[in-house]
Protein backbone atom coordinates (compact mmCIF):
# COMPACT_ATOMS: atom_id res chain seq x y z
CA MET A 1 -0.09 -0.03 0.08
CA SER A 2 1.75 3.46 -0.62
CA ALA A 3 1.44 6.01 1.85
CA GLN A 4 -1.37 8.57 2.28
CA GLU A 5 -1.29 12.22 2.68
CA ILE A 6 -3.16 12.26 6.87
CA THR A 7 -2.90 14.92 9.28
CA PHE A 8 -1.05 14.07 12.58
CA GLY A 9 -4.25 13.68 13.93
CA LYS A 10 -5.36 11.17 12.13
CA ALA A 11 -2.18 9.07 12.16
CA ILE A 12 -2.43 8.46 16.01
CA THR A 13 -6.27 7.64 15.29
CA ALA A 14 -5.19 4.97 12.60
CA GLY A 15 -2.30 3.52 14.95
CA LEU A 16 -5.06 3.26 17.69
CA ARG A 17 -7.40 1.94 15.06
CA ALA A 18 -5.02 -1.01 13.78
CA ALA A 19 -4.39 -1.95 17.74
CA LEU A 20 -7.72 -2.67 18.34
CA ALA A 21 -8.24 -4.46 15.20
CA GLU A 22 -5.02 -6.68 15.75
CA ASP A 23 -5.74 -7.47 19.71
CA GLU A 24 -8.95 -7.80 21.58
CA LYS A 25 -7.44 -6.79 24.81
CA VAL A 26 -6.60 -3.35 23.85
CA VAL A 27 -9.30 -1.35 25.45
CA LEU A 28 -8.84 2.28 25.61
CA MET A 29 -9.81 4.64 28.32
CA GLY A 30 -10.67 8.64 28.99
CA GLU A 31 -12.49 11.33 29.24
CA ASP A 32 -15.10 12.44 26.52
CA ILE A 33 -12.86 9.64 24.34
CA GLY A 34 -15.89 7.70 23.00
CA THR A 35 -19.32 9.59 22.13
CA LEU A 36 -17.51 12.81 21.58
CA GLY A 37 -14.45 11.29 20.35
CA GLY A 38 -11.99 13.14 22.07
CA VAL A 39 -11.23 17.03 22.51
CA PHE A 40 -8.66 16.92 19.61
CA ARG A 41 -10.72 14.38 18.00
CA ILE A 42 -8.07 11.53 17.95
CA THR A 43 -10.81 8.82 18.98
CA ASP A 44 -13.53 10.17 16.32
CA GLY A 45 -15.54 6.95 15.09
CA LEU A 46 -13.81 4.26 17.46
CA MET A 47 -16.11 3.61 20.03
CA GLN A 48 -18.73 3.49 16.74
CA GLU A 49 -15.99 1.22 15.43
CA PHE A 50 -15.39 -0.95 18.20
CA GLY A 51 -18.26 -0.51 20.53
CA PRO A 52 -18.14 0.68 24.19
CA ASP A 53 -16.88 -1.81 25.83
CA ARG A 54 -13.22 -1.25 24.05
CA VAL A 55 -13.29 2.98 24.17
CA VAL A 56 -14.89 3.55 27.20
CA ASP A 57 -15.51 7.14 28.39
CA THR A 58 -14.77 7.67 32.24
CA PRO A 59 -15.53 9.76 34.58
CA LEU A 60 -13.76 13.23 34.78
CA ALA A 61 -11.04 11.66 37.63
CA GLU A 62 -6.95 10.91 36.32
CA SER A 63 -6.55 8.76 39.53
CA GLY A 64 -9.68 6.57 39.15
CA ILE A 65 -8.50 5.96 34.92
CA MET A 66 -5.05 4.75 35.94
CA GLY A 67 -5.75 2.63 39.08
CA THR A 68 -8.52 0.93 36.72
CA ALA A 69 -5.67 0.77 33.62
CA VAL A 70 -3.63 -0.88 36.48
CA GLY A 71 -6.28 -3.67 36.98
CA LEU A 72 -6.99 -4.07 33.47
CA ALA A 73 -3.04 -4.86 32.92
CA TYR A 74 -3.13 -7.47 35.91
CA ARG A 75 -5.91 -9.27 34.02
CA GLY A 76 -4.55 -9.43 30.73
CA TYR A 77 -5.69 -6.22 29.01
CA ARG A 78 -3.52 -3.70 27.06
CA PRO A 79 -5.24 -0.63 28.20
CA VAL A 80 -4.81 2.75 26.45
CA VAL A 81 -5.32 5.38 28.37
CA GLU A 82 -5.83 9.62 27.08
CA ILE A 83 -5.56 12.38 29.76
CA GLN A 84 -7.00 15.06 28.15
CA PHE A 85 -4.53 17.37 28.80
CA ASP A 86 -0.83 17.44 29.75
CA GLY A 87 -1.28 19.06 33.15
CA PHE A 88 -4.30 17.16 34.01
CA VAL A 89 -1.63 14.17 34.40
CA TYR A 90 -0.71 15.19 37.94
CA PRO A 91 -3.92 13.81 39.73
CA SER A 92 -2.86 9.84 38.49
CA PHE A 93 0.86 10.45 39.08
CA ASP A 94 1.30 8.42 42.49
CA GLN A 95 -0.42 5.69 39.81
CA ILE A 96 2.04 5.86 37.47
CA VAL A 97 5.52 6.43 39.27
CA SER A 98 4.36 3.76 41.89
CA GLN A 99 2.37 1.38 40.66
CA VAL A 100 2.64 1.71 36.40
CA ALA A 101 6.39 2.09 36.50
CA LYS A 102 7.22 -0.64 39.28
CA THR A 103 5.11 -3.49 39.31
CA TYR A 104 7.07 -5.14 36.34
CA TYR A 105 10.25 -4.52 38.33
CA ARG A 106 8.43 -5.24 41.52
CA THR A 107 7.25 -8.87 40.47
CA ARG A 108 10.24 -9.93 38.71
CA GLY A 109 8.50 -9.89 35.65
CA ALA A 110 6.22 -12.16 36.74
CA VAL A 111 2.86 -9.42 35.89
CA PRO A 112 3.78 -7.04 32.83
CA MET A 113 2.15 -4.07 32.75
CA PRO A 114 1.41 -2.92 29.12
CA VAL A 115 -0.21 0.20 30.23
CA THR A 116 0.38 3.65 27.13
CA ILE A 117 -0.63 6.38 28.48
CA ARG A 118 -1.37 9.32 25.79
CA ILE A 119 -0.71 12.95 26.83
CA PRO A 120 -1.54 15.51 24.52
CA PHE A 121 1.35 17.91 25.25
CA GLY A 122 3.21 20.92 25.04
CA GLY A 123 2.31 24.50 24.21
CA GLY A 124 1.50 26.46 20.85
CA ILE A 125 -2.16 26.61 20.81
CA GLY A 126 -3.37 29.63 22.52
CA SER A 127 -4.01 27.59 26.24
CA PRO A 128 -3.39 28.88 29.41
CA GLU A 129 -2.04 26.73 32.54
CA HIS A 130 -2.53 23.09 32.75
CA HIS A 131 -3.56 23.16 29.06
CA SER A 132 0.14 23.52 27.86
CA GLU A 133 2.53 21.73 29.86
CA SER A 134 5.90 19.83 29.52
CA PRO A 135 5.87 17.05 32.20
CA GLU A 136 8.31 14.89 30.59
CA ALA A 137 11.38 15.26 32.75
CA TYR A 138 9.18 13.96 35.98
CA PHE A 139 8.62 10.18 33.52
CA VAL A 140 11.93 9.87 32.25
CA HIS A 141 13.00 10.44 35.73
CA THR A 142 10.86 7.52 36.82
CA ALA A 143 12.94 4.04 35.82
CA GLY A 144 10.62 1.58 34.27
CA LEU A 145 8.74 4.41 32.66
CA ARG A 146 9.12 4.24 29.15
CA VAL A 147 9.02 7.80 27.25
CA VAL A 148 8.33 8.54 23.52
CA SER A 149 6.94 11.55 21.44
CA PRO A 150 6.60 11.36 17.52
CA SER A 151 7.60 14.20 15.27
CA THR A 152 6.01 13.52 12.02
CA PRO A 153 2.60 11.74 11.09
CA GLN A 154 4.37 8.51 10.36
CA GLU A 155 6.56 8.47 13.68
CA GLY A 156 2.79 9.16 15.63
CA TYR A 157 1.73 5.98 13.93
CA ASP A 158 4.27 3.87 14.60
CA LEU A 159 5.48 5.12 17.67
CA ILE A 160 1.88 4.64 19.27
CA ARG A 161 1.07 1.07 17.51
CA ALA A 162 4.91 0.51 19.07
CA ALA A 163 3.72 1.83 22.64
CA ILE A 164 0.79 -0.54 22.42
CA ALA A 165 3.00 -3.64 21.65
CA SER A 166 5.12 -2.89 23.96
CA ASN A 167 5.11 -5.13 27.87
CA ASP A 168 6.49 -2.21 29.54
CA PRO A 169 4.69 1.19 30.43
CA VAL A 170 4.94 4.00 27.93
CA VAL A 171 3.95 7.64 27.89
CA TYR A 172 3.41 8.66 25.14
CA LEU A 173 3.47 12.29 24.54
CA GLU A 174 1.88 13.83 21.40
CA PRO A 175 2.55 17.50 20.28
CA LYS A 176 -0.81 18.94 20.23
CA ARG A 177 -0.15 22.48 18.21
CA ARG A 178 1.08 19.47 15.40
CA TYR A 179 -1.97 17.80 15.07
CA HIS A 180 -3.23 19.27 11.58
CA ASP A 181 0.68 19.14 10.45
CA ARG A 182 0.16 16.95 7.15
CA GLY A 183 2.78 14.10 6.17
CA PRO A 184 3.10 10.71 4.05
CA VAL A 185 1.91 8.05 6.21
CA ASP A 186 2.33 4.30 5.36
CA LEU A 187 -0.13 2.21 6.91
CA SER A 188 0.99 -0.80 5.82
CA ALA A 189 4.27 -0.79 7.52
CA PRO A 190 5.65 -2.97 9.90
CA LEU A 191 5.74 -2.97 13.63
CA ARG A 192 8.93 -0.53 14.35
CA PRO A 193 10.95 -0.70 17.46
CA MET A 194 10.45 2.25 19.65
CA GLY A 195 14.38 2.87 20.51
CA PRO A 196 16.22 4.13 18.10
CA ALA A 197 16.59 8.15 17.52
CA ALA A 198 16.23 9.38 13.89
CA VAL A 199 18.64 11.83 11.90
CA ALA A 200 16.29 14.49 10.16
CA ALA A 201 18.67 16.59 8.45
CA GLU A 202 22.24 15.79 7.79
CA GLY A 203 24.62 18.48 8.62
CA THR A 204 28.01 18.63 9.42
CA ASP A 205 29.03 22.15 12.09
CA VAL A 206 26.51 21.81 14.79
CA THR A 207 24.31 18.75 16.08
CA LEU A 208 20.80 19.97 17.15
CA VAL A 209 18.97 17.82 19.19
CA ALA A 210 15.01 17.69 19.37
CA TYR A 211 11.83 16.43 19.90
CA GLY A 212 8.18 16.09 19.91
CA PRO A 213 7.11 19.86 18.41
CA LEU A 214 10.46 21.07 18.25
CA VAL A 215 11.48 19.06 15.22
CA LYS A 216 10.00 20.84 12.79
CA THR A 217 11.33 24.31 14.14
CA CYS A 218 14.39 22.91 13.95
CA LEU A 219 13.92 21.49 10.51
CA GLN A 220 13.28 24.98 9.77
CA ALA A 221 16.37 26.79 11.57
CA ALA A 222 18.46 24.08 9.72
CA GLU A 223 17.16 25.59 6.60
CA ALA A 224 17.83 29.74 7.31
CA ALA A 225 21.21 27.98 8.64
CA ALA A 226 22.10 26.57 5.42
CA ALA A 227 21.55 30.01 3.51
CA GLU A 228 24.41 31.39 5.77
CA GLY A 229 26.39 28.21 5.37
CA ILE A 230 26.21 27.03 8.11
CA SER A 231 25.37 23.26 8.00
CA ILE A 232 23.72 21.29 10.96
CA ASP A 233 22.72 17.77 12.27
CA VAL A 234 19.05 17.56 13.06
CA ILE A 235 18.47 14.51 15.79
CA ASP A 236 14.72 13.42 16.21
CA LEU A 237 15.45 11.69 19.73
CA ARG A 238 11.51 10.08 18.85
CA SER A 239 12.30 8.04 22.31
CA LEU A 240 13.11 9.78 25.18
CA SER A 241 13.39 7.30 28.05
CA PRO A 242 15.71 5.40 26.75
CA VAL A 243 17.94 7.87 24.72
CA ASP A 244 19.38 6.45 21.71
CA TYR A 245 22.84 8.33 22.76
CA GLY A 246 24.70 6.20 20.42
CA LEU A 247 23.17 8.65 17.52
CA ILE A 248 23.85 11.61 19.08
CA GLU A 249 27.36 10.82 19.98
CA ALA A 250 28.29 9.94 16.55
CA SER A 251 26.51 13.20 15.57
CA VAL A 252 28.83 15.30 18.01
CA ARG A 253 32.19 13.47 16.90
CA ARG A 254 31.16 15.16 13.71
CA THR A 255 30.72 18.29 14.06
CA GLY A 256 32.29 19.26 17.83
CA ARG A 257 29.17 21.37 18.92
CA LEU A 258 25.55 20.23 20.30
CA VAL A 259 22.74 22.51 20.97
CA ILE A 260 19.83 21.02 22.34
CA THR A 261 16.06 22.34 22.71
CA HIS A 262 12.98 21.79 24.19
CA GLU A 263 9.68 23.69 25.61
CA ALA A 264 10.07 22.23 29.03
CA SER A 265 12.11 24.40 31.95
CA ARG A 266 15.70 24.71 31.57
CA THR A 267 16.49 23.08 35.34
CA GLY A 268 16.27 19.98 35.55
CA GLY A 269 15.07 19.11 31.98
CA LEU A 270 16.16 16.64 29.56
CA GLY A 271 18.38 18.81 27.76
CA ALA A 272 20.45 18.85 31.15
CA GLU A 273 20.86 15.42 31.39
CA ILE A 274 22.08 14.81 27.52
CA ALA A 275 24.35 17.65 27.75
CA ALA A 276 26.23 16.01 30.70
CA THR A 277 26.14 12.72 29.90
CA VAL A 278 27.42 13.77 26.11
CA THR A 279 29.92 15.52 27.77
CA GLU A 280 31.43 12.89 29.57
CA ARG A 281 31.11 10.96 26.95
CA CYS A 282 32.46 13.60 24.05
CA PHE A 283 34.40 15.54 26.17
CA HIS A 284 37.48 15.54 23.60
CA TRP A 285 35.58 16.00 20.56
CA LEU A 286 33.59 18.85 21.76
CA GLU A 287 34.79 22.61 20.52
CA HIS A 288 32.72 24.65 22.49
CA ALA A 289 30.68 23.55 25.99
CA PRO A 290 26.80 22.36 25.05
CA VAL A 291 24.48 24.44 24.67
CA ARG A 292 20.50 24.23 25.66
CA VAL A 293 18.02 26.43 24.56
CA THR A 294 14.31 26.02 26.54
CA GLY A 295 11.41 27.23 27.94
CA PHE A 296 11.83 29.07 30.97
CA ASP A 297 11.55 28.42 34.69
CA ILE A 298 8.09 29.96 34.93
CA PRO A 299 4.80 28.49 35.21
CA TYR A 300 3.23 28.59 31.74
CA PRO A 301 2.35 31.81 30.88
CA PRO A 302 -0.80 33.66 29.56
CA ALA A 303 -1.46 32.71 25.36
CA LYS A 304 -0.59 36.56 24.75
CA LEU A 305 3.04 35.40 26.28
CA GLU A 306 3.64 32.06 25.07
CA HIS A 307 5.27 32.97 22.04
CA HIS A 308 8.39 34.35 24.24
CA HIS A 309 8.28 31.28 26.00
CA VAL A 310 8.56 28.65 23.71
CA PRO A 311 11.36 28.27 21.98
CA ASP A 312 11.24 29.59 18.26
CA LEU A 313 13.11 29.84 15.11
CA ASP A 314 15.47 33.01 15.97
CA ARG A 315 16.37 31.55 19.69
CA ILE A 316 17.10 28.30 18.18
CA LEU A 317 19.67 29.91 14.96
CA ASP A 318 20.92 32.11 18.48
CA GLY A 319 21.56 28.81 20.15
CA VAL A 320 23.32 27.43 17.08
CA ASP A 321 25.61 31.07 17.12
CA ARG A 322 26.49 30.47 20.55
CA ALA A 323 27.83 26.93 19.87
CA LEU A 324 29.60 28.31 17.02
CA GLY A 325 31.26 31.09 18.80
CA ARG A 326 29.63 33.86 16.65
CA ALA A 327 27.74 36.65 17.58
CA ASN A 328 24.95 36.10 19.80
CA SER A 329 22.56 37.18 22.31
CA LEU A 330 24.45 36.33 25.22
CA ASP A 331 27.64 38.39 24.23
CA SER A 332 26.74 41.21 26.54
CA ILE A 333 27.28 39.13 29.36
CA ASP A 334 30.48 38.10 31.21
CA PRO A 335 30.45 33.94 31.48
CA PHE A 336 33.39 34.09 33.65
CA ALA A 337 31.60 36.54 36.54
CA PRO A 338 30.87 35.13 40.07
CA PRO A 339 26.75 34.40 40.51
CA THR A 340 25.08 37.22 42.36
CA PRO A 341 24.58 36.12 45.72
CA LEU A 342 21.50 35.69 47.46
CA ALA A 343 20.12 37.48 50.21
CA ALA A 344 18.56 35.65 53.46
CA ASP A 345 14.73 35.93 51.53
CA GLY A 346 16.30 34.17 48.57
CA THR A 347 16.53 37.51 45.78
CA GLU A 348 19.96 38.46 44.29
CA ARG A 349 21.32 41.14 46.33
CA GLY A 350 23.06 44.43 44.91
């Protein structure tokens, strides 16, 4: 079957449909996913196809949804849970990190926990906090969870099928502002592994690492940089836990420079972990310290200000300039100046 041109959202729908058709133990659960088809219409039509016992409208209670998914997994089902918005995941956090992530290990493999947790995440749609979060670092930090995020319609289709087929619990982060992006999708593609990263664009001067919604922005940055004679190697992580460090390291050893970008806050973000790991493993190949281009360490801002918060083309290119030692936005800041001491109340002195 040749590839079809469909939207990112419909590609995920197609992956869910394929999983439901292939395995009667697959059950979808979530708020408004059945009759309504989900707030983003990702599950539109699936209840009509597979019935209300396979596509289940749940109460507005994330902790209850996740606890039910754990019970179903114990009984041999493969539940796929939709968290309606990223900021709604926190009421179910205890179940995810204390039960879902640990049961397989706790039972020495006797009880697999094949739970897929779908979370529309990230900003860019004009919504306030609780609707535009980037909570990936919490889950990456939790041993026992796999965390993935697609960046294209084809990846959306491939990764959701692989996640549902996995005996490990998977947090599947959907870049909600890309739902309407269109691209070719081969619906007959064989099941592909979740782990490997991908080279989204080849380059020789700088390695630029991203995932989910920012991969498209990085490709635009690579195109803009090429007009100035700068060649960027864009790495699409696909899997955030585990990370395919082999591909990143191979790229950094060619380019000597690394830039990582994500929408989540800078402190404790995945970019910090990647920067530290690559520095440990590729120190003698690095021509410049790794650079992070991220969201700011603030609660998600009001919709009218989010374009300042989410890394865009200009901020990513500025990060590339920093890695190359070119003129950039930090030129007026002395990197060797001592940090400003804090007053007793935690504010900066002087």
